[in-house]
Amino acid sequence: AYTAPHWPLHALEKDIAKYKGKYDKGWDALRMERYERMKKMGIIPENTVLTERHEDAAAWYTVPKRLRPELSSRMEVYAAQIDNMDQGIGRIIAELERTNQLENTVIMFLSDNGACAEMISHDDKTGEIGTDASFESYGLAWANASNTPFQMFKHWIHEGGIATPFVVHWPKGIDSKYNGKLYRKPAHLVDVMAT
C-alpha cells in the first residue's frame, strides 16, 4: 500500500523534472482541462456542471507572479509522487506477467478519500519542496483542482471528500463483458472486505 500521493511532498528529482512547468498555468486551467477530459472520456456525463472554485482558493490570475513558481512546484512534486507510484505498480504488473500470474491476480486500486486541502508545513523543515528537508502539502487550491468536478475535500462528506476511483483488474475472475467499462454504482471498503 502506498502512502503517496500525500504530504509531505517528497519525490525523486528525476520524477519531479518530468513535470517542471506543467502546472505553470495554475489550478483554474488544470480544473478546466480535467473537467473537459473527463467528459470526453465518459468518466462524467456531458451535462455535469463544474463546481465553482472554492471560495478560499484565489483565482490563479490574482496570485502574485513571484509566488507562482513555488505554488506550481507543489503540484509538480505531487504529480511526481503519482508517477513514482505508477512506476512501482508497473514493476509489480511486469513481474506478474513474467510469471504468468497476471490473469489470475486480483488488483484493486482505490483511495481512502478525496484530495486533502490541509496546508501542512513544519517550521523546522524549510528546505526545497520535494526533498526530505521539507515537510509541505500542496494546499486547498490544488486539492480543488484534484477533486474536479466535485466540491469540498477530505474530511467532508461531499463527493470531493468521499468519491474516489475504484479500479479492479482480474481477467480470470471477472466476466470479460465488464472489461474497460465504467460503473457509477457506489462501492465501499466494506464491500472489499466481505469479498
Protein backbone atom coordinates (compact mmCIF):
# COMPACT_ATOMS: atom_id res chain seq x y z
CA ALA A 1 0.00 0.00 0.00
CA TYR A 2 1.35 3.40 -0.98
CA THR A 3 1.32 6.46 1.21
CA ALA A 4 1.94 8.66 -1.84
CA PRO A 5 0.50 10.85 -3.08
CA HIS A 6 0.24 12.51 0.29
CA TRP A 7 2.02 15.07 2.36
CA PRO A 8 4.84 15.56 2.93
CA LEU A 9 5.59 16.35 -0.70
CA HIS A 10 8.65 14.17 -1.26
CA ALA A 11 9.64 12.77 -4.65
CA LEU A 12 12.68 11.78 -6.66
CA GLU A 13 14.38 14.59 -8.55
CA LYS A 14 14.18 12.64 -11.82
CA ASP A 15 10.41 12.27 -11.44
CA ILE A 16 9.88 15.92 -10.47
CA ALA A 17 11.86 17.00 -13.54
CA LYS A 18 9.21 15.43 -15.82
CA TYR A 19 6.62 17.91 -14.54
CA LYS A 20 8.66 21.14 -14.50
CA GLY A 21 6.46 23.88 -15.90
CA LYS A 22 3.44 21.62 -16.43
CA TYR A 23 1.36 23.45 -13.84
CA ASP A 24 2.51 26.99 -14.55
CA LYS A 25 -0.96 27.76 -15.96
CA GLY A 26 -2.36 27.30 -12.46
CA TRP A 27 -5.18 25.49 -10.77
CA ASP A 28 -8.03 27.14 -12.68
CA ALA A 29 -6.67 25.97 -16.05
CA LEU A 30 -6.00 22.49 -14.61
CA ARG A 31 -9.57 22.21 -13.33
CA MET A 32 -10.97 23.12 -16.74
CA GLU A 33 -8.62 20.74 -18.60
CA ARG A 34 -9.55 17.85 -16.32
CA TYR A 35 -13.25 18.65 -16.50
CA GLU A 36 -13.24 18.63 -20.30
CA ARG A 37 -11.10 15.46 -20.48
CA MET A 38 -13.35 13.62 -18.00
CA LYS A 39 -16.43 14.46 -20.09
CA LYS A 40 -14.69 13.37 -23.29
CA MET A 41 -13.65 10.06 -21.71
CA GLY A 42 -17.13 9.41 -20.33
CA ILE A 43 -15.97 9.47 -16.73
CA ILE A 44 -18.57 12.13 -16.01
CA PRO A 45 -21.76 12.76 -18.00
CA GLU A 46 -21.70 15.54 -20.62
CA ASN A 47 -24.19 17.56 -18.58
CA THR A 48 -22.06 17.54 -15.40
CA VAL A 49 -21.66 21.04 -14.04
CA LEU A 50 -18.21 22.05 -12.86
CA THR A 51 -18.48 23.37 -9.32
CA GLU A 52 -17.28 26.87 -8.59
CA ARG A 53 -13.69 27.31 -7.47
CA HIS A 54 -13.65 27.02 -3.68
CA GLU A 55 -14.15 30.37 -2.01
CA ASP A 56 -10.83 30.06 -0.18
CA ALA A 57 -8.88 29.42 -3.40
CA ALA A 58 -7.70 32.55 -5.14
CA ALA A 59 -8.16 32.87 -8.88
CA TRP A 60 -4.78 31.96 -10.39
CA TYR A 61 -4.55 35.25 -12.27
CA THR A 62 -4.70 37.12 -8.92
CA VAL A 63 -1.75 35.19 -7.44
CA PRO A 64 1.35 37.44 -7.43
CA LYS A 65 3.78 36.29 -10.14
CA ARG A 66 6.59 35.97 -7.60
CA LEU A 67 4.60 33.26 -5.73
CA ARG A 68 3.55 31.21 -8.74
CA PRO A 69 6.77 29.17 -9.22
CA GLU A 70 6.70 27.92 -5.62
CA LEU A 71 2.98 27.12 -5.82
CA SER A 72 3.43 25.34 -9.17
CA SER A 73 6.28 23.30 -7.71
CA ARG A 74 3.92 21.84 -5.11
CA MET A 75 1.76 20.30 -7.83
CA GLU A 76 4.86 19.19 -9.77
CA VAL A 77 6.03 17.20 -6.75
CA TYR A 78 2.55 15.82 -6.17
CA ALA A 79 2.44 14.64 -9.80
CA ALA A 80 5.92 13.12 -9.39
CA GLN A 81 4.66 11.14 -6.40
CA ILE A 82 1.85 9.71 -8.54
CA ASP A 83 4.32 8.99 -11.36
CA ASN A 84 6.61 7.09 -9.00
CA MET A 85 3.70 5.11 -7.59
CA ASP A 86 2.67 4.23 -11.15
CA GLN A 87 6.21 3.04 -11.89
CA GLY A 88 6.10 0.78 -8.83
CA ILE A 89 2.74 -0.70 -9.78
CA GLY A 90 4.13 -1.20 -13.29
CA ARG A 91 7.03 -3.24 -11.89
CA ILE A 92 4.61 -5.46 -9.97
CA ILE A 93 2.46 -6.00 -13.08
CA ALA A 94 5.54 -6.77 -15.18
CA GLU A 95 6.58 -9.43 -12.67
CA LEU A 96 3.07 -10.91 -12.66
CA GLU A 97 3.20 -11.05 -16.47
CA ARG A 98 6.68 -12.60 -16.40
CA THR A 99 5.47 -15.34 -14.04
CA ASN A 100 2.17 -15.84 -15.91
CA GLN A 101 0.16 -14.80 -12.84
CA LEU A 102 -1.44 -11.56 -14.08
CA GLU A 103 -4.63 -13.21 -15.37
CA ASN A 104 -5.27 -14.86 -12.02
CA THR A 105 -4.34 -11.97 -9.73
CA VAL A 106 -6.88 -9.55 -8.29
CA ILE A 107 -5.58 -5.99 -8.48
CA MET A 108 -7.59 -3.28 -6.74
CA PHE A 109 -6.76 0.38 -6.91
CA LEU A 110 -8.56 2.87 -4.70
CA SER A 111 -8.03 5.76 -2.34
CA ASP A 112 -9.32 6.33 1.17
CA ASN A 113 -10.62 9.85 0.50
CA GLY A 114 -10.64 12.79 -1.88
CA ALA A 115 -7.87 15.36 -2.11
CA CYS A 116 -6.54 16.90 1.09
CA ALA A 117 -6.96 20.66 1.41
CA GLU A 118 -4.92 20.95 4.60
CA MET A 119 -1.98 23.32 4.50
CA ILE A 120 0.74 21.35 6.24
CA SER A 121 4.06 22.96 6.98
CA HIS A 122 6.71 22.22 9.59
CA ASP A 123 8.79 25.24 10.56
CA ASP A 124 11.86 23.08 11.22
CA LYS A 125 11.73 21.61 7.68
CA THR A 126 12.10 24.59 5.36
CA GLY A 127 14.22 23.06 2.60
CA GLU A 128 13.33 22.84 -1.06
CA ILE A 129 9.86 21.40 -1.59
CA GLY A 130 10.13 17.84 -2.80
CA THR A 131 13.22 16.99 -0.77
CA ASP A 132 13.33 15.37 2.64
CA ALA A 133 14.49 18.74 4.01
CA SER A 134 10.90 19.98 3.63
CA PHE A 135 7.54 18.95 5.05
CA GLU A 136 4.78 20.56 3.00
CA SER A 137 1.41 19.81 1.43
CA TYR A 138 0.01 21.18 -1.81
CA GLY A 139 -2.88 23.09 -0.25
CA LEU A 140 -6.53 23.85 -0.85
CA ALA A 141 -6.38 25.33 -4.36
CA TRP A 142 -4.53 22.35 -5.86
CA ALA A 143 -6.80 19.98 -3.91
CA ASN A 144 -9.75 21.78 -5.51
CA ALA A 145 -8.23 21.00 -8.92
CA SER A 146 -7.54 17.39 -7.92
CA ASN A 147 -11.19 16.91 -6.97
CA THR A 148 -12.55 18.16 -10.31
CA PRO A 149 -15.54 18.36 -10.86
CA PHE A 150 -16.59 17.97 -7.22
CA GLN A 151 -16.63 20.36 -4.30
CA MET A 152 -15.04 20.02 -0.87
CA PHE A 153 -12.22 17.74 0.30
CA LYS A 154 -11.02 15.03 2.65
CA HIS A 155 -12.89 15.33 5.99
CA TRP A 156 -16.14 16.39 4.24
CA ILE A 157 -18.89 14.06 3.10
CA HIS A 158 -19.39 15.93 -0.18
CA GLU A 159 -18.29 13.96 -3.23
CA GLY A 160 -14.91 15.74 -3.26
CA GLY A 161 -14.27 14.20 0.14
CA ILE A 162 -15.54 10.69 -0.38
CA ALA A 163 -15.77 9.90 -4.11
CA THR A 164 -12.63 8.17 -5.33
CA PRO A 165 -11.79 5.80 -8.17
CA PHE A 166 -12.07 2.08 -7.56
CA VAL A 167 -10.41 0.04 -10.30
CA VAL A 168 -10.48 -3.76 -10.30
CA HIS A 169 -8.48 -5.97 -12.67
CA TRP A 170 -8.93 -9.76 -12.57
CA PRO A 171 -9.23 -11.37 -16.02
CA LYS A 172 -9.88 -14.93 -14.77
CA GLY A 173 -12.41 -13.86 -12.14
CA ILE A 174 -14.40 -11.09 -13.84
CA ASP A 175 -16.56 -11.66 -16.91
CA SER A 176 -14.85 -10.09 -19.95
CA LYS A 177 -18.04 -8.17 -20.84
CA TYR A 178 -17.12 -5.83 -17.98
CA ASN A 179 -13.62 -5.07 -19.30
CA GLY A 180 -12.94 -1.36 -19.67
CA LYS A 181 -16.43 -0.39 -18.51
CA LEU A 182 -17.26 2.47 -16.16
CA TYR A 183 -19.78 1.84 -13.40
CA ARG A 184 -21.31 4.54 -11.29
CA LYS A 185 -22.65 2.30 -8.55
CA PRO A 186 -21.11 3.08 -5.19
CA ALA A 187 -18.61 0.69 -3.66
CA HIS A 188 -17.04 0.85 -0.25
CA LEU A 189 -14.25 -0.83 1.66
CA VAL A 190 -16.83 -2.93 3.49
CA ASP A 191 -17.64 -4.47 0.08
CA VAL A 192 -13.97 -5.31 -0.47
CA MET A 193 -13.55 -6.89 2.95
CA ALA A 194 -16.69 -9.03 2.51
CA THR A 195 -15.41 -10.12 -0.90
